[in-house]
Each structure stands twice: as structure tokens, then as C-alpha cells.
């Protein structure tokens, strides 16, 4: 593993994994340009080494060539997504090799040969997008016990398996372009969230009536019952009589 950063700087707040033999001669210059943005660059030689790094730590972006010594960038991308890793991936590929599958899996394809300034700008933009509030929410959700995140394409292709996961009580966060888009949960959890087990209005009304019975004295209960049985005319006459009691003449009398 090669960590390229100044010994005088603090630990980087963002991590970038690079598996790109095509950048070997310019990697040090590229890493130096990212250092001022507090991005730590880790270099891996092949797919196997890259997956080893991913298992040991979290990355904010992966940059890799399509052709690698022990496989391909597509193999690495599939392995990342199969392992529920939603880290954004930038593939360095030739213009004559369109990679629709890579796009479907949320990867961004950059044509080679790539200009370092363009690569630097793309890197910072992708890392910033991955660190957005929505993405932070998804990351926090995945850290919750019993929750996993999968890309929308994987969810479509493996819906049966994910449905079984949700039925067993585990929440599945489905992401699109590295941001949360939907959540798959069991029906039992849905009922809990929507309050399906809460008592209905009639039951609450009955409980309220019983509570009032216990709170009232016999005299107060009788007055309340008379009030509810009174007609609109009787209520109006009672209100006028009470109003007359409060006039200055009635108080003098």
C-alpha cells in the first residue's frame, strides 16, 4: 500500500483509492494536487489488492483502469456492488468502449488519455457529491444495525433476495447515484411506522367517556347530562339568563 501525503499535514478527511496503471507515472503529481484538499490517496496494483483495501477501510472514491493486471475495472466494480459498497467509481476507459453496465452500476466513465486537471476536478466533484447531506444520511442509516444499502440496478436484478432480507426484518436502503431513493421494509415494520395498531376514534371516544364518569361528582354528572340533552332553544335561554346575571343592574340588586 502506498500512502502519498505530506508528513506535516494532519490525517486526510477524505480517502481515494486508485487502481490505474495508466496513471503510474503521474500518480505522485496527482496525489500532490489532492493533498491541499485534504484527500489521502491509496494506490493498489490490481483488483485483489483493491478489494483488500476496501475491506479494511472506507473510501470516498475509487478510480481505476478498465484493464488491470489480474482482471478488469468492471470486475472490481461488480465486486464492490455485490458487497454492498456504494462508493462512487470513476472508470478510465477508451472512447470506443462504451460501458453501459458501468453506468447502470453508478460508475462514471472518463475517456483516456485523461488530463490531470480534468481528473482532479472530476475527483473533487465526485467526492463532494458522495459527502452530500443525503449521502451522509444513507451512510448513517447503513451503520444502523439491521440496515444495508444497495444500488438501484442491483435491487432490480436481485429483488427476490432483497425482499427475503426485508421480510426477515432487515431494512434495505436503495440508492440511486449514491443518494438514498427508497427503503424496503417488512409489512410488520410498515404497520409499526404507520400506527396501524393504534386504537380507532370510537375506542378513544369510549375511553374518554369512561374517564369523565370517574372524574365527575354525581351533581356535576347530572348537570352535564342535562346540558347534552338540552335543545338549542334551551341552551340559548340559559345563556341569556347567565348574561343577565352579569349586568350592573343585577349586581346592584
Protein backbone atom coordinates (compact mmCIF):
# COMPACT_ATOMS: atom_id res chain seq x y z
CA UNK A 1 0.00 0.00 0.00
CA UNK A 2 1.33 3.42 -0.91
CA UNK A 3 0.02 6.44 1.02
CA UNK A 4 1.02 9.68 -0.65
CA UNK A 5 0.78 12.65 1.70
CA UNK A 6 2.99 15.15 3.44
CA UNK A 7 4.27 14.18 6.90
CA UNK A 8 3.41 17.69 8.11
CA UNK A 9 -0.30 17.51 7.28
CA UNK A 10 -2.99 16.14 9.54
CA UNK A 11 -4.81 12.96 8.65
CA UNK A 12 -6.86 13.49 5.50
CA UNK A 13 -10.62 13.80 5.89
CA UNK A 14 -11.30 12.05 2.54
CA UNK A 15 -9.86 8.86 1.06
CA UNK A 16 -9.27 7.99 -2.60
CA UNK A 17 -8.35 4.53 -3.89
CA UNK A 18 -6.52 4.44 -7.23
CA UNK A 19 -6.04 1.24 -9.29
CA UNK A 20 -4.78 2.69 -12.55
CA UNK A 21 -1.52 1.57 -14.17
CA UNK A 22 -2.13 4.25 -16.81
CA UNK A 23 -1.59 6.91 -14.13
CA UNK A 24 1.53 5.31 -12.62
CA UNK A 25 3.96 7.93 -13.92
CA UNK A 26 1.73 10.86 -12.88
CA UNK A 27 0.27 9.47 -9.66
CA UNK A 28 2.64 11.40 -7.37
CA UNK A 29 1.74 14.68 -9.09
CA UNK A 30 -1.96 13.82 -8.94
CA UNK A 31 -1.75 12.98 -5.23
CA UNK A 32 0.08 16.21 -4.52
CA UNK A 33 -2.71 18.20 -6.18
CA UNK A 34 -5.27 16.47 -3.93
CA UNK A 35 -3.24 16.89 -0.76
CA UNK A 36 -4.18 20.56 -0.38
CA UNK A 37 -7.84 19.48 -0.45
CA UNK A 38 -7.21 17.00 2.39
CA UNK A 39 -7.66 13.95 0.19
CA UNK A 40 -5.49 10.94 1.01
CA UNK A 41 -4.53 8.75 -1.95
CA UNK A 42 -4.06 5.00 -1.60
CA UNK A 43 -2.63 3.13 -4.60
CA UNK A 44 -3.39 -0.52 -5.35
CA UNK A 45 -1.74 -2.61 -8.04
CA UNK A 46 -4.64 -4.85 -9.03
CA UNK A 47 -8.22 -5.97 -8.27
CA UNK A 48 -7.17 -8.28 -5.44
CA UNK A 49 -5.21 -5.57 -3.65
CA UNK A 50 -8.03 -3.07 -4.16
CA UNK A 51 -10.63 -5.36 -2.58
CA UNK A 52 -8.26 -5.95 0.31
CA UNK A 53 -8.08 -2.19 0.97
CA UNK A 54 -11.86 -1.80 0.68
CA UNK A 55 -12.39 -4.46 3.34
CA UNK A 56 -10.03 -2.68 5.73
CA UNK A 57 -11.21 0.92 5.38
CA UNK A 58 -13.84 3.19 3.84
CA UNK A 59 -13.13 5.21 0.69
CA UNK A 60 -14.95 8.24 -0.72
CA UNK A 61 -14.00 7.47 -4.34
CA UNK A 62 -12.36 4.74 -6.44
CA UNK A 63 -10.52 5.46 -9.70
CA UNK A 64 -9.46 2.51 -11.85
CA UNK A 65 -8.50 1.49 -15.35
CA UNK A 66 -10.79 -0.78 -17.34
CA UNK A 67 -7.88 -3.18 -17.97
CA UNK A 68 -6.00 -4.33 -14.86
CA UNK A 69 -3.19 -6.88 -14.36
CA UNK A 70 -5.40 -9.53 -12.76
CA UNK A 71 -8.77 -8.69 -14.28
CA UNK A 72 -10.73 -5.58 -15.18
CA UNK A 73 -12.22 -2.47 -13.70
CA UNK A 74 -15.67 -3.91 -14.41
CA UNK A 75 -14.87 -6.97 -12.29
CA UNK A 76 -13.84 -4.68 -9.47
CA UNK A 77 -16.99 -2.59 -9.86
CA UNK A 78 -19.23 -5.69 -9.78
CA UNK A 79 -17.42 -6.98 -6.70
CA UNK A 80 -17.88 -3.66 -4.91
CA UNK A 81 -21.59 -3.53 -5.66
CA UNK A 82 -22.12 -7.20 -4.83
CA UNK A 83 -20.55 -6.49 -1.45
CA UNK A 84 -22.98 -3.58 -0.89
CA UNK A 85 -20.18 -1.00 -1.25
CA UNK A 86 -21.81 2.12 -2.74
CA UNK A 87 -18.60 4.14 -3.05
CA UNK A 88 -18.57 6.12 -6.34
CA UNK A 89 -16.27 4.75 -9.04
CA UNK A 90 -14.57 6.55 -11.93
CA UNK A 91 -13.50 4.24 -14.77
CA UNK A 92 -10.74 5.35 -17.11
CA UNK A 93 -11.72 3.83 -20.44
CA UNK A 94 -11.20 4.20 -24.18
CA UNK A 95 -13.79 6.17 -26.14
CA UNK A 96 -14.52 3.21 -28.45
CA UNK A 97 -15.51 1.04 -25.47
CA UNK A 98 -18.87 2.26 -24.18
CA UNK A 99 -19.63 0.69 -20.81
CA UNK A 100 -23.38 0.80 -20.31
CA UNK A 101 -23.16 -1.70 -17.47
CA UNK A 102 -20.73 0.57 -15.65
CA UNK A 103 -23.19 3.46 -15.92
CA UNK A 104 -26.01 1.22 -14.72
CA UNK A 105 -23.94 0.36 -11.65
CA UNK A 106 -23.41 4.03 -10.87
CA UNK A 107 -19.89 4.43 -12.26
CA UNK A 108 -18.63 7.49 -14.15
CA UNK A 109 -16.58 6.82 -17.29
CA UNK A 110 -13.73 9.17 -18.18
CA UNK A 111 -12.06 8.94 -21.56
CA UNK A 112 -8.33 8.24 -21.81
CA UNK A 113 -5.83 9.78 -22.13
CA UNK A 114 -7.02 11.96 -19.28
CA UNK A 115 -5.76 15.43 -18.45
CA UNK A 116 -4.67 15.70 -14.80
CA UNK A 117 -6.53 18.96 -14.26
CA UNK A 118 -9.74 17.39 -15.56
CA UNK A 119 -9.17 14.30 -13.43
CA UNK A 120 -8.54 16.46 -10.38
CA UNK A 121 -11.77 18.40 -10.94
CA UNK A 122 -13.79 15.23 -11.50
CA UNK A 123 -12.29 13.64 -8.38
CA UNK A 124 -13.17 16.56 -6.12
CA UNK A 125 -16.67 16.84 -7.59
CA UNK A 126 -17.40 13.14 -7.08
CA UNK A 127 -16.07 13.16 -3.52
CA UNK A 128 -18.12 16.25 -2.69
CA UNK A 129 -21.25 14.60 -4.11
CA UNK A 130 -20.60 11.45 -2.08
CA UNK A 131 -20.26 13.58 1.07
CA UNK A 132 -23.55 15.45 0.49
CA UNK A 133 -26.19 15.55 3.30
CA UNK A 134 -28.31 12.94 1.53
CA UNK A 135 -25.35 10.62 1.18
CA UNK A 136 -24.38 11.17 4.84
CA UNK A 137 -27.92 10.19 5.79
CA UNK A 138 -27.62 6.97 3.79
CA UNK A 139 -24.25 6.21 5.33
CA UNK A 140 -25.66 6.76 8.83
CA UNK A 141 -28.62 4.55 8.03
CA UNK A 142 -26.37 1.75 6.86
CA UNK A 143 -24.41 1.96 10.10
CA UNK A 144 -27.64 1.17 11.98
CA UNK A 145 -27.86 -2.47 12.95
CA UNK A 146 -30.11 -4.40 10.59
CA UNK A 147 -29.75 -1.98 7.64
CA UNK A 148 -27.97 -2.35 4.31
CA UNK A 149 -27.67 -0.17 1.18
CA UNK A 150 -27.75 -1.37 -2.42
CA UNK A 151 -27.67 0.39 -5.78
CA UNK A 152 -30.96 0.61 -7.70
CA UNK A 153 -29.67 -1.64 -10.50
CA UNK A 154 -28.66 -4.35 -8.05
CA UNK A 155 -32.03 -4.03 -6.33
CA UNK A 156 -33.74 -4.57 -9.69
CA UNK A 157 -31.65 -7.61 -10.56
CA UNK A 158 -31.74 -9.18 -7.10
CA UNK A 159 -35.16 -8.08 -5.86
CA UNK A 160 -36.20 -11.56 -4.75
CA UNK A 161 -33.19 -11.94 -2.48
CA UNK A 162 -33.57 -8.42 -1.09
CA UNK A 163 -37.28 -8.97 -0.49
CA UNK A 164 -36.42 -12.01 1.59
CA UNK A 165 -33.95 -9.88 3.53
CA UNK A 166 -36.66 -7.30 4.29
CA UNK A 167 -39.17 -10.00 5.31
CA UNK A 168 -36.62 -11.25 7.84
CA UNK A 169 -36.64 -7.80 9.44
CA UNK A 170 -33.59 -6.13 7.89
CA UNK A 171 -34.07 -2.70 6.27
CA UNK A 172 -32.75 -2.25 2.71
CA UNK A 173 -31.86 1.29 1.58
CA UNK A 174 -31.96 1.51 -2.23
CA UNK A 175 -29.69 4.21 -3.61
CA UNK A 176 -29.56 5.98 -6.96
CA UNK A 177 -26.48 7.95 -7.95
CA UNK A 178 -25.11 7.36 -4.42
CA UNK A 179 -28.11 9.02 -2.73
CA UNK A 180 -30.98 7.30 -0.88
CA UNK A 181 -34.03 6.79 -3.11
CA UNK A 182 -36.22 4.22 -1.34
CA UNK A 183 -36.36 1.89 1.65
CA UNK A 184 -37.55 -1.72 1.57
CA UNK A 185 -39.05 -2.87 4.89
CA UNK A 186 -41.25 -5.69 6.13
CA UNK A 187 -45.02 -5.27 6.41
CA UNK A 188 -44.79 -5.60 10.19
CA UNK A 189 -42.40 -2.66 10.37
CA UNK A 190 -44.64 -0.71 8.00
CA UNK A 191 -47.56 -1.25 10.37
CA UNK A 192 -45.46 -0.02 13.28
CA UNK A 193 -44.44 3.12 11.36
CA UNK A 194 -47.96 3.95 10.16
CA UNK A 195 -49.55 3.26 13.53
CA UNK A 196 -51.83 0.53 12.21
CA UNK A 197 -52.19 -0.88 15.72
CA UNK A 198 -53.35 2.39 17.28
CA UNK A 199 -56.95 2.39 18.65
CA UNK A 200 -59.60 3.89 16.39
CA UNK A 201 -61.56 7.08 17.13
CA UNK A 202 -64.58 5.23 18.50
CA UNK A 203 -62.42 3.37 21.03
CA UNK A 204 -60.73 6.61 22.10
CA UNK A 205 -64.14 8.28 22.50
CA UNK A 206 -65.33 5.43 24.70
CA UNK A 207 -62.20 5.69 26.88
CA UNK A 208 -62.76 9.44 27.22
CA UNK A 209 -66.35 8.94 28.32
CA UNK A 210 -65.29 6.45 30.97
CA UNK A 211 -62.64 8.85 32.21
CA UNK A 212 -65.20 11.64 32.53
CA UNK A 213 -67.52 9.37 34.53
CA UNK A 214 -64.79 8.72 37.08
CA UNK A 215 -63.85 12.41 37.32
CA UNK A 216 -67.36 13.85 37.86
CA UNK A 217 -69.34 14.09 41.10
CA UNK A 218 -73.00 12.95 40.99
CA UNK A 219 -74.19 16.56 40.82
CA UNK A 220 -71.74 17.52 38.08
CA UNK A 221 -72.61 14.38 36.16
CA UNK A 222 -76.32 15.24 36.32
CA UNK A 223 -75.67 18.79 35.13
CA UNK A 224 -73.52 17.57 32.26
CA UNK A 225 -76.14 15.08 31.15
CA UNK A 226 -78.80 17.80 31.27
CA UNK A 227 -76.55 20.05 29.19
CA UNK A 228 -76.10 17.46 26.47
CA UNK A 229 -79.87 16.70 26.44
CA UNK A 230 -80.86 20.36 26.15
CA UNK A 231 -82.33 21.64 22.90
CA UNK A 232 -80.81 24.63 21.05
CA UNK A 233 -83.63 26.87 22.36
CA UNK A 234 -82.99 25.78 25.95
CA UNK A 235 -79.27 26.41 25.56
CA UNK A 236 -79.95 29.93 24.20
CA UNK A 237 -82.31 30.76 27.09
CA UNK A 238 -79.75 29.50 29.60
CA UNK A 239 -77.05 31.65 28.02
CA UNK A 240 -79.27 34.78 28.14
CA UNK A 241 -80.17 34.14 31.78
CA UNK A 242 -76.47 33.81 32.67
CA UNK A 243 -75.71 37.03 30.79
CA UNK A 244 -78.41 38.96 32.68
CA UNK A 245 -76.86 37.86 35.97
CA UNK A 246 -73.69 39.68 34.99
CA UNK A 247 -75.29 43.06 34.17
CA UNK A 248 -74.68 46.13 36.50
CA UNK A 249 -78.37 46.29 37.50
CA UNK A 250 -78.44 42.64 38.54
CA UNK A 251 -75.29 43.14 40.61
CA UNK A 252 -76.87 46.20 42.39
CA UNK A 253 -79.97 44.23 43.14
